[in-house]
Amino acid sequence: MVAAVPPSAVPTAPPEPFVVDRRAIARTQFYLEQLGYQVGAADGVMGKRTKSAIASFRAANAMAKGEEIDGALIDALDLAARQVPEKPADGVPSAAPRIPVVSVPLANASR
């Protein structure tokens, strides 16, 4: 039998504040783009299209109104992106970044 630790003995640390940096913005943009929201490139810059897409996503998912990024938004985007069925396009799953692939013959390809 395992003894339970009394709640008063468990150290509790306050949650760390959510920091919105370029990585958080780019992650948000990537998720929004994967979900069909038009934000452009996931460049980590909070522009008008990103703010509009955040507001639209929040409204569509009964979240608090706003254009800001917070932990609840990231969690909701992550959950929504996991529910999107993977649709391979030319062998690349939909969760992969959309990078155009160009086949270019090598100039020195003589044998």
Protein backbone atom coordinates (compact mmCIF):
# COMPACT_ATOMS: atom_id res chain seq x y z
CA MET A 1 0.00 0.00 0.00
CA VAL A 2 1.29 3.42 -0.96
CA ALA A 3 0.93 6.17 1.60
CA ALA A 4 -0.67 9.36 0.36
CA VAL A 5 1.20 12.59 0.79
CA PRO A 6 -0.85 15.17 2.67
CA PRO A 7 -1.73 18.12 0.42
CA SER A 8 0.03 20.55 2.74
CA ALA A 9 3.33 18.69 2.21
CA VAL A 10 3.27 18.99 -1.58
CA PRO A 11 5.21 22.05 -2.69
CA THR A 12 3.15 24.28 -4.92
CA ALA A 13 4.79 26.60 -7.36
CA PRO A 14 2.81 29.36 -9.01
CA PRO A 15 2.25 28.75 -12.72
CA GLU A 16 4.77 30.42 -14.96
CA PRO A 17 3.36 33.37 -16.91
CA PHE A 18 2.66 32.76 -20.58
CA VAL A 19 5.18 34.64 -22.68
CA VAL A 20 4.17 35.77 -26.15
CA ASP A 21 7.31 35.87 -28.23
CA ARG A 22 8.02 35.35 -31.93
CA ARG A 23 7.97 31.57 -31.45
CA ALA A 24 4.52 31.64 -29.85
CA ILE A 25 3.21 33.89 -32.62
CA ALA A 26 4.72 31.68 -35.34
CA ARG A 27 3.28 28.56 -33.69
CA THR A 28 -0.14 30.23 -33.58
CA GLN A 29 0.14 31.26 -37.22
CA PHE A 30 1.17 27.73 -38.23
CA TYR A 31 -1.83 26.20 -36.43
CA LEU A 32 -4.25 28.75 -37.84
CA GLU A 33 -2.97 28.19 -41.38
CA GLN A 34 -3.32 24.41 -40.97
CA LEU A 35 -6.90 24.94 -39.83
CA GLY A 36 -7.77 27.00 -42.92
CA TYR A 37 -7.40 30.53 -41.58
CA GLN A 38 -5.55 32.86 -43.94
CA VAL A 39 -2.65 34.34 -42.00
CA GLY A 40 0.11 34.22 -44.60
CA ALA A 41 3.58 33.08 -43.62
CA ALA A 42 4.28 31.84 -40.10
CA ASP A 43 6.83 34.61 -39.60
CA GLY A 44 6.29 35.36 -35.92
CA VAL A 45 4.99 38.87 -36.59
CA MET A 46 1.58 39.79 -35.19
CA GLY A 47 -0.11 41.47 -38.15
CA LYS A 48 -3.70 42.33 -39.05
CA ARG A 49 -4.41 38.96 -40.67
CA THR A 50 -3.07 37.06 -37.66
CA LYS A 51 -5.15 39.14 -35.27
CA SER A 52 -8.24 38.69 -37.41
CA ALA A 53 -7.69 34.93 -37.64
CA ILE A 54 -7.25 34.67 -33.87
CA ALA A 55 -10.49 36.60 -33.30
CA SER A 56 -12.31 34.37 -35.81
CA PHE A 57 -10.95 31.17 -34.25
CA ARG A 58 -11.91 32.35 -30.76
CA ALA A 59 -15.45 33.21 -31.93
CA ALA A 60 -15.86 29.90 -33.77
CA ASN A 61 -14.79 27.98 -30.67
CA ALA A 62 -16.80 29.87 -28.02
CA MET A 63 -13.66 31.34 -26.45
CA ALA A 64 -13.25 34.75 -24.86
CA LYS A 65 -13.24 37.52 -27.46
CA GLY A 66 -9.95 39.06 -28.38
CA GLU A 67 -6.95 39.01 -30.66
CA GLU A 68 -4.33 38.06 -28.09
CA ILE A 69 -2.36 34.84 -27.75
CA ASP A 70 -2.51 33.02 -24.45
CA GLY A 71 -2.14 29.50 -23.15
CA ALA A 72 -5.84 28.71 -23.66
CA LEU A 73 -5.62 29.71 -27.33
CA ILE A 74 -2.50 27.60 -27.93
CA ASP A 75 -4.14 24.61 -26.22
CA ALA A 76 -7.32 25.01 -28.30
CA LEU A 77 -5.34 25.36 -31.53
CA ASP A 78 -3.26 22.30 -30.68
CA LEU A 79 -6.39 20.27 -29.97
CA ALA A 80 -8.12 21.47 -33.15
CA ALA A 81 -5.05 20.72 -35.30
CA ARG A 82 -4.90 17.18 -33.91
CA GLN A 83 -8.48 16.60 -35.01
CA VAL A 84 -7.84 17.57 -38.63
CA PRO A 85 -7.55 14.37 -40.68
CA GLU A 86 -4.25 14.01 -42.45
CA LYS A 87 -4.62 14.45 -46.18
CA PRO A 88 -1.44 13.51 -48.01
CA ALA A 89 -0.67 15.89 -50.84
CA ASP A 90 2.05 14.52 -53.06
CA GLY A 91 3.23 12.31 -50.20
CA VAL A 92 3.44 15.11 -47.63
CA PRO A 93 1.08 14.97 -44.62
CA SER A 94 -0.99 18.08 -43.95
CA ALA A 95 0.81 18.72 -40.64
CA ALA A 96 4.06 19.40 -42.48
CA PRO A 97 4.99 22.97 -43.31
CA ARG A 98 3.85 23.98 -46.78
CA ILE A 99 7.11 24.35 -48.64
CA PRO A 100 7.08 24.25 -52.42
CA VAL A 101 9.29 21.48 -53.78
CA VAL A 102 10.91 22.10 -57.13
CA SER A 103 12.78 19.44 -59.04
CA VAL A 104 15.83 20.97 -60.68
CA PRO A 105 18.23 18.84 -62.78
CA LEU A 106 21.85 19.04 -61.71
CA ALA A 107 24.02 21.03 -64.09
CA ASN A 108 26.97 18.66 -63.63
CA ALA A 109 25.01 15.42 -63.91
CA SER A 110 27.23 13.90 -66.62
CA ARG A 111 28.59 10.40 -66.06
